[in-house]
Amino acid sequence: MMNTKTIRYIIYAVIIIFCVVAIGLGVYAQFFTNEPIQDVYGNDISAGGNIITHQDVNQAFIDLFTNEFYSNYNDTNITKIDDTKELVYTFYEDNQNVSGKYSMNIHIPVINIQSDVVTGFNNLTQSIFVDKINSVMAGTEVYTIYNLDYIAYVNNNLLSVAIKATIKEGDNPQRVIVQTYNYDLETNQAVTLKEVLEDRDIDETVVENRIRTVVQNASNDADKMAESGYTVYQRNVNDEMYQIDNITNFIEGPNGELYIIFAYGNNNYTSEMDIIQI
């Protein structure tokens, strides 16, 4: 039987061998293979740099939702619905758990501007999110978990609002629904992604190529998981939804960064999202 000292030496030897092999593989990968290292956008970072992953971008977007409105915009010339409130504020919030029925933690925003366009925005919030809350509270056949959060920013004269709902109903897969609104405070008009890109002098082709790369990579990852027996959401990379003219879900972040959002749970039982940050 080996004594304690001998076993210790064996363990040390195994650790040293493992480290040597790992270092050797790393050196080989760096100097003797031609396979480039790419981030989620397809950028070649073989020469060094931080790898930006699909999960990193999605998490950065999710972390935005603090149920607050951030703005230094002078709104004295804007006609509000309620002069005592900010341009965006929490109209209703609730956190309750009814045993056997539902658990909800909700923060419902309202855009506080007198405008036909904004009225349409607020009505859409009502139909997508608030009506669902009412139906859950009125009674449901399956236990439902419903969380609702929002975030709002003003960058220059662009008001951006995003609402995110996470819904789990019984045995159905969890859904993540995202709805965004973008409004020009000077022209009192809704703003399209195309207009934002033009204003920033960003080439649409570059953006569509970035979108295509992210979605294709996510699709490839999903295919690999499906081959391993997992149930995954399958993307159609050729869908017209990925074309600039058809994209309506986007928001400008706290530092003006642009998030383009493909929340597949808007129309399906899935929490899958592809977020492209510009």
Foldseek 3Di string as FASTA:
>chain_A
DDDPVVVVVVVVVVVVVVVVVVVVVVVCVLPPDPDFDAALLRDGQSVDDDHHHQVNQVVVVVVQFPQDEDEPDDCPVFAWPDPVDDQKHFPDFDFDDDPFQETETETQMAGTGPAPVSVVVNVVSCVQPVVVVVVSVVTDPFYKYKYKTKYWYADPQKIKIKIWMWMDTHPFAIAIDMDMWIAGNVVRDTDAPVNVCVVVVHDQVSVLSSLLSNLVVVQVVQVVVVVVPDDDDHDDSPDPCSHRVNFDDWGQGPVRKIKGKDRVSNPDRYRDIGIDID
